[in-house]
Amino acid sequence: MVQKEKVKKLKDKLIVALDTDDGEDIDWLSGTLIEVVPWVKIGFQAFSTLGIEAFPWLSARGHKVFLDLKFHDIPNTVARDVGMMTKHGANMINMHAAGGLEMMQTARNSADDAAYKADIPRPILLGVTILTSMDETGFQQNFGSERQLAEQVVYLAQLTQAAGLDGVVASPLEIEPIRKACGDNFLIVTPGIRPKWAETGDQRRITTPAEAINRGADYIVVGRPIIEAEDPLEAAEMILDEMREA
C-alpha cells in the first residue's frame, strides 16, 4: 500500500492534466511546468498522440506520469492493459471501480507481476468513483440508485480498498466520508478543482485548491486553468499559492 505520509511536498500534490492532442503544446507545457510541478496527467487525447513513448520521454524530463485512461472492461482485458502500462513506466494508473472487485483485483495482481519482472516500483493504482461532472440530480437520473451520490462514492471507495488498490479518484466534496470509511493511508486524488479566478466549465462537484487540501486530498488534478492560461507556469504557481493557504 502506498503510504499517505510519503506525499509531503506541496508541489508533489499538484497534478497537471495535459489534456490536448497537440504534441508541440505537450512538449512546451511539460518543459515549462517541470520547474514547479513534477506530476502530469496523460488522458486519451495526449496518449493518442504520444503513445507509450510518453513514459520514457516525460520521465527523462523529470515528470511522474498519471495515466488517466479509466480502464473498464472484463478482468482479463484490464489486467493485461494495466500490466502493460506498468511495464512501460506509468507511475499512476486508474480504472473504473464500477468494473467490480474481480476486475480490480486482477489488475492489481498484474501490476504487481509486471513491476516485479521489470524490477521497477509498482504504480499507484486508483479506482474511479463518480465523475465530477455529475451532480446528485444527474446521478439519480442516470443510475436510479437507491443510494445517494455520496453514499455510492463511499461504497465504491470501500470496494476499491477491498480489491487492494491504493486509493480512489473522487470529488473533493466526498473526501471526508471516504477518509472516515477507508482510513488515513488510503489515497484520494481529486479532480473538480477550480482556483478562485477560474471558470467552472463542465464540472459540478468542485472546490478550490485550498479547500481540497483542507479536506484532506492527497493529490489534486488541474487542467484547463493551467494549460489554457496565457502563462501556464504563472497559473501553476498561483494554484500552489492557493494550496499554501490551506
C-alpha atoms as a PDB file:
ATOM      1  CA  MET A   1       0.000   0.000   0.000  1.00  0.00           C
ATOM      2  CA  VAL A   2       1.301   3.457  -0.905  1.00  0.00           C
ATOM      3  CA  GLN A   3       1.582   5.407   2.315  1.00  0.00           C
ATOM      4  CA  LYS A   4      -0.096   8.789   2.526  1.00  0.00           C
ATOM      5  CA  GLU A   5       2.751  10.298   4.529  1.00  0.00           C
ATOM      6  CA  LYS A   6       5.073   9.989   1.522  1.00  0.00           C
ATOM      7  CA  VAL A   7       3.212  12.856  -0.158  1.00  0.00           C
ATOM      8  CA  LYS A   8       4.925  15.595   1.803  1.00  0.00           C
ATOM      9  CA  LYS A   9       5.899  18.444  -0.511  1.00  0.00           C
ATOM     10  CA  LEU A  10       3.059  20.670  -1.609  1.00  0.00           C
ATOM     11  CA  LYS A  11       4.140  20.702  -5.250  1.00  0.00           C
ATOM     12  CA  ASP A  12       4.010  16.880  -5.252  1.00  0.00           C
ATOM     13  CA  LYS A  13       0.277  17.120  -4.527  1.00  0.00           C
ATOM     14  CA  LEU A  14      -0.476  19.015  -7.749  1.00  0.00           C
ATOM     15  CA  ILE A  15      -1.045  17.017 -10.946  1.00  0.00           C
ATOM     16  CA  VAL A  16      -1.372  18.996 -14.180  1.00  0.00           C
ATOM     17  CA  ALA A  17      -3.688  17.435 -16.767  1.00  0.00           C
ATOM     18  CA  LEU A  18      -2.101  17.729 -20.222  1.00  0.00           C
ATOM     19  CA  ASP A  19      -5.482  17.377 -21.915  1.00  0.00           C
ATOM     20  CA  THR A  20      -4.550  18.114 -25.511  1.00  0.00           C
ATOM     21  CA  ASP A  21      -3.593  16.103 -28.572  1.00  0.00           C
ATOM     22  CA  ASP A  22      -1.201  18.793 -29.821  1.00  0.00           C
ATOM     23  CA  GLY A  23       2.286  17.293 -29.469  1.00  0.00           C
ATOM     24  CA  GLU A  24       4.017  20.671 -29.667  1.00  0.00           C
ATOM     25  CA  ASP A  25       1.820  22.035 -26.873  1.00  0.00           C
ATOM     26  CA  ILE A  26       2.536  18.981 -24.715  1.00  0.00           C
ATOM     27  CA  ASP A  27       6.256  19.402 -25.366  1.00  0.00           C
ATOM     28  CA  TRP A  28       6.169  23.074 -24.422  1.00  0.00           C
ATOM     29  CA  LEU A  29       3.892  22.638 -21.405  1.00  0.00           C
ATOM     30  CA  SER A  30       5.868  19.763 -19.914  1.00  0.00           C
ATOM     31  CA  GLY A  31       9.159  21.566 -20.453  1.00  0.00           C
ATOM     32  CA  THR A  32       7.797  24.725 -18.859  1.00  0.00           C
ATOM     33  CA  LEU A  33       5.957  23.211 -15.911  1.00  0.00           C
ATOM     34  CA  ILE A  34       8.721  20.878 -14.735  1.00  0.00           C
ATOM     35  CA  GLU A  35      10.164  23.897 -12.952  1.00  0.00           C
ATOM     36  CA  VAL A  36       7.369  23.731 -10.374  1.00  0.00           C
ATOM     37  CA  VAL A  37       5.225  20.598 -10.955  1.00  0.00           C
ATOM     38  CA  PRO A  38       6.595  17.034 -11.144  1.00  0.00           C
ATOM     39  CA  TRP A  39       3.275  15.246 -11.828  1.00  0.00           C
ATOM     40  CA  VAL A  40       1.432  15.352 -15.168  1.00  0.00           C
ATOM     41  CA  LYS A  41      -1.716  13.514 -16.238  1.00  0.00           C
ATOM     42  CA  ILE A  42      -1.979  11.859 -19.643  1.00  0.00           C
ATOM     43  CA  GLY A  43      -5.502  11.100 -20.825  1.00  0.00           C
ATOM     44  CA  PHE A  44      -6.829   9.776 -24.130  1.00  0.00           C
ATOM     45  CA  GLN A  45      -6.078  12.995 -26.019  1.00  0.00           C
ATOM     46  CA  ALA A  46      -2.392  13.110 -25.121  1.00  0.00           C
ATOM     47  CA  PHE A  47      -1.972   9.329 -25.250  1.00  0.00           C
ATOM     48  CA  SER A  48      -3.384   9.228 -28.786  1.00  0.00           C
ATOM     49  CA  THR A  49      -0.509  11.497 -29.797  1.00  0.00           C
ATOM     50  CA  LEU A  50       2.335  10.240 -27.619  1.00  0.00           C
ATOM     51  CA  GLY A  51       1.556   6.552 -27.093  1.00  0.00           C
ATOM     52  CA  ILE A  52       3.769   4.545 -24.774  1.00  0.00           C
ATOM     53  CA  GLU A  53       6.706   6.789 -25.649  1.00  0.00           C
ATOM     54  CA  ALA A  54       5.134   9.302 -23.259  1.00  0.00           C
ATOM     55  CA  PHE A  55       6.518   7.432 -20.264  1.00  0.00           C
ATOM     56  CA  PRO A  56      10.281   7.416 -21.001  1.00  0.00           C
ATOM     57  CA  TRP A  57      10.096  10.869 -22.601  1.00  0.00           C
ATOM     58  CA  LEU A  58       8.341  12.582 -19.687  1.00  0.00           C
ATOM     59  CA  SER A  59      10.348  10.602 -17.151  1.00  0.00           C
ATOM     60  CA  ALA A  60      13.583  11.824 -18.741  1.00  0.00           C
ATOM     61  CA  ARG A  61      12.353  15.369 -18.179  1.00  0.00           C
ATOM     62  CA  GLY A  62      11.750  14.638 -14.505  1.00  0.00           C
ATOM     63  CA  HIS A  63       7.988  14.132 -14.617  1.00  0.00           C
ATOM     64  CA  LYS A  64       5.904  11.429 -12.992  1.00  0.00           C
ATOM     65  CA  VAL A  65       3.016  10.270 -15.168  1.00  0.00           C
ATOM     66  CA  PHE A  66      -0.569   9.660 -14.093  1.00  0.00           C
ATOM     67  CA  LEU A  67      -2.122   7.579 -16.886  1.00  0.00           C
ATOM     68  CA  ASP A  68      -5.792   8.552 -16.938  1.00  0.00           C
ATOM     69  CA  LEU A  69      -7.386   6.018 -19.305  1.00  0.00           C
ATOM     70  CA  LYS A  70     -10.031   4.856 -16.819  1.00  0.00           C
ATOM     71  CA  PHE A  71      -9.826   1.187 -17.767  1.00  0.00           C
ATOM     72  CA  HIS A  72     -13.202  -0.566 -17.614  1.00  0.00           C
ATOM     73  CA  ASP A  73     -13.596  -3.981 -19.211  1.00  0.00           C
ATOM     74  CA  ILE A  74     -13.626  -7.666 -18.343  1.00  0.00           C
ATOM     75  CA  PRO A  75     -10.996  -8.616 -15.739  1.00  0.00           C
ATOM     76  CA  ASN A  76      -8.607 -10.287 -18.176  1.00  0.00           C
ATOM     77  CA  THR A  77      -8.545  -7.287 -20.514  1.00  0.00           C
ATOM     78  CA  VAL A  78      -7.993  -4.725 -17.766  1.00  0.00           C
ATOM     79  CA  ALA A  79      -5.323  -6.895 -16.140  1.00  0.00           C
ATOM     80  CA  ARG A  80      -3.484  -7.139 -19.454  1.00  0.00           C
ATOM     81  CA  ASP A  81      -3.675  -3.397 -20.091  1.00  0.00           C
ATOM     82  CA  VAL A  82      -2.653  -2.359 -16.576  1.00  0.00           C
ATOM     83  CA  GLY A  83       0.257  -4.811 -16.641  1.00  0.00           C
ATOM     84  CA  MET A  84       1.404  -3.436 -19.974  1.00  0.00           C
ATOM     85  CA  MET A  85       1.254   0.180 -18.810  1.00  0.00           C
ATOM     86  CA  THR A  86       3.105  -0.774 -15.634  1.00  0.00           C
ATOM     87  CA  LYS A  87       5.884  -2.351 -17.688  1.00  0.00           C
ATOM     88  CA  HIS A  88       6.184   0.753 -19.848  1.00  0.00           C
ATOM     89  CA  GLY A  89       6.596   3.023 -16.825  1.00  0.00           C
ATOM     90  CA  ALA A  90       3.312   4.653 -15.781  1.00  0.00           C
ATOM     91  CA  ASN A  91       3.596   5.959 -12.213  1.00  0.00           C
ATOM     92  CA  MET A  92      -0.144   6.118 -11.510  1.00  0.00           C
ATOM     93  CA  ILE A  93      -2.980   4.267 -13.281  1.00  0.00           C
ATOM     94  CA  ASN A  94      -6.737   4.437 -12.829  1.00  0.00           C
ATOM     95  CA  MET A  95      -9.668   2.161 -13.638  1.00  0.00           C
ATOM     96  CA  HIS A  96     -13.418   2.415 -13.053  1.00  0.00           C
ATOM     97  CA  ALA A  97     -14.310   0.947  -9.663  1.00  0.00           C
ATOM     98  CA  ALA A  98     -17.683   0.066 -11.209  1.00  0.00           C
ATOM     99  CA  GLY A  99     -15.809  -2.663 -13.095  1.00  0.00           C
ATOM    100  CA  GLY A 100     -16.045  -4.649  -9.884  1.00  0.00           C
ATOM    101  CA  LEU A 101     -13.934  -6.380  -7.285  1.00  0.00           C
ATOM    102  CA  GLU A 102     -12.551  -9.112  -9.540  1.00  0.00           C
ATOM    103  CA  MET A 103     -11.530  -6.669 -12.255  1.00  0.00           C
ATOM    104  CA  MET A 104      -9.613  -4.507  -9.795  1.00  0.00           C
ATOM    105  CA  GLN A 105      -8.018  -7.477  -8.030  1.00  0.00           C
ATOM    106  CA  THR A 106      -6.719  -8.979 -11.268  1.00  0.00           C
ATOM    107  CA  ALA A 107      -5.407  -5.583 -12.343  1.00  0.00           C
ATOM    108  CA  ARG A 108      -3.560  -5.236  -9.046  1.00  0.00           C
ATOM    109  CA  ASN A 109      -2.039  -8.716  -9.426  1.00  0.00           C
ATOM    110  CA  SER A 110      -0.999  -7.957 -12.996  1.00  0.00           C
ATOM    111  CA  ALA A 111       0.660  -4.691 -11.954  1.00  0.00           C
ATOM    112  CA  ASP A 112       2.491  -6.466  -9.131  1.00  0.00           C
ATOM    113  CA  ASP A 113       3.757  -9.124 -11.528  1.00  0.00           C
ATOM    114  CA  ALA A 114       4.803  -6.655 -14.240  1.00  0.00           C
ATOM    115  CA  ALA A 115       6.630  -4.438 -11.757  1.00  0.00           C
ATOM    116  CA  TYR A 116       8.438  -7.422 -10.243  1.00  0.00           C
ATOM    117  CA  LYS A 117       9.576  -8.709 -13.648  1.00  0.00           C
ATOM    118  CA  ALA A 118      10.756  -5.257 -14.747  1.00  0.00           C
ATOM    119  CA  ASP A 119      12.370  -4.564 -11.351  1.00  0.00           C
ATOM    120  CA  ILE A 120      10.526  -1.243 -11.019  1.00  0.00           C
ATOM    121  CA  PRO A 121       8.164   0.182  -8.385  1.00  0.00           C
ATOM    122  CA  ARG A 122       4.519  -0.730  -8.865  1.00  0.00           C
ATOM    123  CA  PRO A 123       2.451   2.280  -9.943  1.00  0.00           C
ATOM    124  CA  ILE A 124      -0.162   3.805  -7.694  1.00  0.00           C
ATOM    125  CA  LEU A 125      -3.458   2.140  -8.621  1.00  0.00           C
ATOM    126  CA  LEU A 126      -6.727   4.057  -8.288  1.00  0.00           C
ATOM    127  CA  GLY A 127     -10.423   3.287  -8.647  1.00  0.00           C
ATOM    128  CA  VAL A 128     -12.544   5.985 -10.290  1.00  0.00           C
ATOM    129  CA  THR A 129     -15.760   6.570  -8.313  1.00  0.00           C
ATOM    130  CA  ILE A 130     -18.315   9.028  -9.785  1.00  0.00           C
ATOM    131  CA  LEU A 131     -17.188  11.621 -12.326  1.00  0.00           C
ATOM    132  CA  THR A 132     -17.052  15.205 -11.055  1.00  0.00           C
ATOM    133  CA  SER A 133     -19.174  16.390 -13.990  1.00  0.00           C
ATOM    134  CA  MET A 134     -22.191  14.671 -12.392  1.00  0.00           C
ATOM    135  CA  ASP A 135     -24.313  16.121  -9.602  1.00  0.00           C
ATOM    136  CA  GLU A 136     -26.960  14.447  -7.439  1.00  0.00           C
ATOM    137  CA  THR A 137     -29.762  15.055  -9.928  1.00  0.00           C
ATOM    138  CA  GLY A 138     -27.752  13.669 -12.822  1.00  0.00           C
ATOM    139  CA  PHE A 139     -26.678  10.663 -10.771  1.00  0.00           C
ATOM    140  CA  GLN A 140     -30.249   9.720  -9.900  1.00  0.00           C
ATOM    141  CA  GLN A 141     -31.495  10.300 -13.449  1.00  0.00           C
ATOM    142  CA  ASN A 142     -28.734   8.193 -14.983  1.00  0.00           C
ATOM    143  CA  PHE A 143     -28.411   5.385 -12.449  1.00  0.00           C
ATOM    144  CA  GLY A 144     -31.645   5.203 -10.475  1.00  0.00           C
ATOM    145  CA  SER A 145     -29.641   4.076  -7.454  1.00  0.00           C
ATOM    146  CA  GLU A 146     -31.144   3.591  -4.015  1.00  0.00           C
ATOM    147  CA  ARG A 147     -28.025   5.255  -2.674  1.00  0.00           C
ATOM    148  CA  GLN A 148     -27.340   8.961  -2.707  1.00  0.00           C
ATOM    149  CA  LEU A 149     -24.349  10.042  -4.813  1.00  0.00           C
ATOM    150  CA  ALA A 150     -22.021  10.462  -1.813  1.00  0.00           C
ATOM    151  CA  GLU A 151     -23.063   7.047  -0.466  1.00  0.00           C
ATOM    152  CA  GLN A 152     -22.255   5.439  -3.819  1.00  0.00           C
ATOM    153  CA  VAL A 153     -18.838   7.111  -3.848  1.00  0.00           C
ATOM    154  CA  VAL A 154     -18.036   5.711  -0.408  1.00  0.00           C
ATOM    155  CA  TYR A 155     -19.306   2.261  -1.430  1.00  0.00           C
ATOM    156  CA  LEU A 156     -17.031   2.273  -4.485  1.00  0.00           C
ATOM    157  CA  ALA A 157     -14.110   3.511  -2.386  1.00  0.00           C
ATOM    158  CA  GLN A 158     -14.568   0.612   0.045  1.00  0.00           C
ATOM    159  CA  LEU A 159     -14.779  -1.813  -2.881  1.00  0.00           C
ATOM    160  CA  THR A 160     -11.569  -0.366  -4.282  1.00  0.00           C
ATOM    161  CA  GLN A 161      -9.821  -0.770  -0.948  1.00  0.00           C
ATOM    162  CA  ALA A 162     -11.051  -4.360  -0.609  1.00  0.00           C
ATOM    163  CA  ALA A 163      -9.548  -5.101  -4.049  1.00  0.00           C
ATOM    164  CA  GLY A 164      -6.115  -3.977  -2.846  1.00  0.00           C
ATOM    165  CA  LEU A 165      -5.831  -0.745  -4.783  1.00  0.00           C
ATOM    166  CA  ASP A 166      -4.111   2.268  -3.256  1.00  0.00           C
ATOM    167  CA  GLY A 167      -6.899   4.814  -3.448  1.00  0.00           C
ATOM    168  CA  VAL A 168      -9.586   6.489  -5.498  1.00  0.00           C
ATOM    169  CA  VAL A 169     -10.332   9.348  -7.823  1.00  0.00           C
ATOM    170  CA  ALA A 170     -13.217  11.263  -6.273  1.00  0.00           C
ATOM    171  CA  SER A 171     -14.705  14.719  -5.970  1.00  0.00           C
ATOM    172  CA  PRO A 172     -13.245  16.859  -3.169  1.00  0.00           C
ATOM    173  CA  LEU A 173     -16.740  17.003  -1.702  1.00  0.00           C
ATOM    174  CA  GLU A 174     -16.537  13.315  -0.775  1.00  0.00           C
ATOM    175  CA  ILE A 175     -13.065  13.354   0.787  1.00  0.00           C
ATOM    176  CA  GLU A 176     -14.220  13.373   4.392  1.00  0.00           C
ATOM    177  CA  PRO A 177     -16.670  10.419   4.198  1.00  0.00           C
ATOM    178  CA  ILE A 178     -14.131   8.411   2.185  1.00  0.00           C
ATOM    179  CA  ARG A 179     -11.458   9.149   4.774  1.00  0.00           C
ATOM    180  CA  LYS A 180     -13.806   8.096   7.578  1.00  0.00           C
ATOM    181  CA  ALA A 181     -14.646   4.840   5.793  1.00  0.00           C
ATOM    182  CA  CYS A 182     -11.207   3.923   4.427  1.00  0.00           C
ATOM    183  CA  GLY A 183      -8.639   5.472   6.781  1.00  0.00           C
ATOM    184  CA  ASP A 184      -5.710   7.841   6.528  1.00  0.00           C
ATOM    185  CA  ASN A 185      -3.456   5.669   4.365  1.00  0.00           C
ATOM    186  CA  PHE A 186      -5.997   5.393   1.545  1.00  0.00           C
ATOM    187  CA  LEU A 187      -5.041   7.856  -1.198  1.00  0.00           C
ATOM    188  CA  ILE A 188      -7.598  10.327  -2.526  1.00  0.00           C
ATOM    189  CA  VAL A 189      -6.950  12.045  -5.850  1.00  0.00           C
ATOM    190  CA  THR A 190      -9.361  14.877  -6.583  1.00  0.00           C
ATOM    191  CA  PRO A 191     -10.271  16.413  -9.920  1.00  0.00           C
ATOM    192  CA  GLY A 192     -13.018  19.030  -9.921  1.00  0.00           C
ATOM    193  CA  ILE A 193     -10.554  21.650  -8.702  1.00  0.00           C
ATOM    194  CA  ARG A 194     -11.102  25.237  -9.740  1.00  0.00           C
ATOM    195  CA  PRO A 195      -8.978  28.095  -8.374  1.00  0.00           C
ATOM    196  CA  LYS A 196     -10.738  31.267  -7.261  1.00  0.00           C
ATOM    197  CA  TRP A 197     -10.065  33.005 -10.558  1.00  0.00           C
ATOM    198  CA  ALA A 198     -11.100  30.213 -12.969  1.00  0.00           C
ATOM    199  CA  GLU A 199     -14.380  29.326 -14.681  1.00  0.00           C
ATOM    200  CA  THR A 200     -16.082  26.111 -13.545  1.00  0.00           C
ATOM    201  CA  GLY A 201     -16.695  24.784 -17.073  1.00  0.00           C
ATOM    202  CA  ASP A 202     -18.500  21.418 -17.134  1.00  0.00           C
ATOM    203  CA  GLN A 203     -17.505  20.470 -13.592  1.00  0.00           C
ATOM    204  CA  ARG A 204     -20.261  20.196 -10.971  1.00  0.00           C
ATOM    205  CA  ARG A 205     -18.802  18.900  -7.677  1.00  0.00           C
ATOM    206  CA  ILE A 206     -15.887  21.270  -7.200  1.00  0.00           C
ATOM    207  CA  THR A 207     -13.815  23.165  -4.650  1.00  0.00           C
ATOM    208  CA  THR A 208     -10.827  25.493  -4.704  1.00  0.00           C
ATOM    209  CA  PRO A 209      -7.299  24.069  -4.310  1.00  0.00           C
ATOM    210  CA  ALA A 210      -7.097  25.264  -0.699  1.00  0.00           C
ATOM    211  CA  GLU A 211     -10.459  23.713   0.192  1.00  0.00           C
ATOM    212  CA  ALA A 212      -9.439  20.367  -1.302  1.00  0.00           C
ATOM    213  CA  ILE A 213      -6.180  20.328   0.666  1.00  0.00           C
ATOM    214  CA  ASN A 214      -8.017  21.358   3.842  1.00  0.00           C
ATOM    215  CA  ARG A 215     -10.474  18.485   3.355  1.00  0.00           C
ATOM    216  CA  GLY A 216      -7.569  16.037   3.111  1.00  0.00           C
ATOM    217  CA  ALA A 217      -6.846  15.462  -0.580  1.00  0.00           C
ATOM    218  CA  ASP A 218      -3.549  13.692  -1.232  1.00  0.00           C
ATOM    219  CA  TYR A 219      -3.353  14.930  -4.830  1.00  0.00           C
ATOM    220  CA  ILE A 220      -5.364  17.488  -6.787  1.00  0.00           C
ATOM    221  CA  VAL A 221      -5.736  17.448 -10.573  1.00  0.00           C
ATOM    222  CA  VAL A 222      -5.956  20.717 -12.502  1.00  0.00           C
ATOM    223  CA  GLY A 223      -6.126  21.014 -16.279  1.00  0.00           C
ATOM    224  CA  ARG A 224      -7.742  23.888 -18.148  1.00  0.00           C
ATOM    225  CA  PRO A 225      -6.983  26.672 -15.614  1.00  0.00           C
ATOM    226  CA  ILE A 226      -3.281  25.918 -16.180  1.00  0.00           C
ATOM    227  CA  ILE A 227      -2.884  24.674 -19.747  1.00  0.00           C
ATOM    228  CA  GLU A 228      -5.253  27.266 -21.251  1.00  0.00           C
ATOM    229  CA  ALA A 229      -3.710  30.174 -19.321  1.00  0.00           C
ATOM    230  CA  GLU A 230      -1.645  32.798 -21.126  1.00  0.00           C
ATOM    231  CA  ASP A 231       1.185  31.900 -18.764  1.00  0.00           C
ATOM    232  CA  PRO A 232       0.773  28.272 -17.577  1.00  0.00           C
ATOM    233  CA  LEU A 233       3.777  28.473 -15.267  1.00  0.00           C
ATOM    234  CA  GLU A 234       2.344  31.524 -13.520  1.00  0.00           C
ATOM    235  CA  ALA A 235      -1.055  29.820 -13.281  1.00  0.00           C
ATOM    236  CA  ALA A 236       0.521  26.741 -11.679  1.00  0.00           C
ATOM    237  CA  GLU A 237       2.367  28.927  -9.192  1.00  0.00           C
ATOM    238  CA  MET A 238      -0.866  30.754  -8.353  1.00  0.00           C
ATOM    239  CA  ILE A 239      -2.557  27.431  -7.634  1.00  0.00           C
ATOM    240  CA  LEU A 240       0.337  26.374  -5.426  1.00  0.00           C
ATOM    241  CA  ASP A 241      -0.053  29.687  -3.573  1.00  0.00           C
ATOM    242  CA  GLU A 242      -3.735  28.887  -3.015  1.00  0.00           C
ATOM    243  CA  MET A 243      -2.771  25.444  -1.737  1.00  0.00           C
ATOM    244  CA  ARG A 244      -0.409  27.088   0.762  1.00  0.00           C
ATOM    245  CA  GLU A 245      -3.421  28.890   2.250  1.00  0.00           C
ATOM    246  CA  ALA A 246      -4.749  25.551   3.483  1.00  0.00           C
END
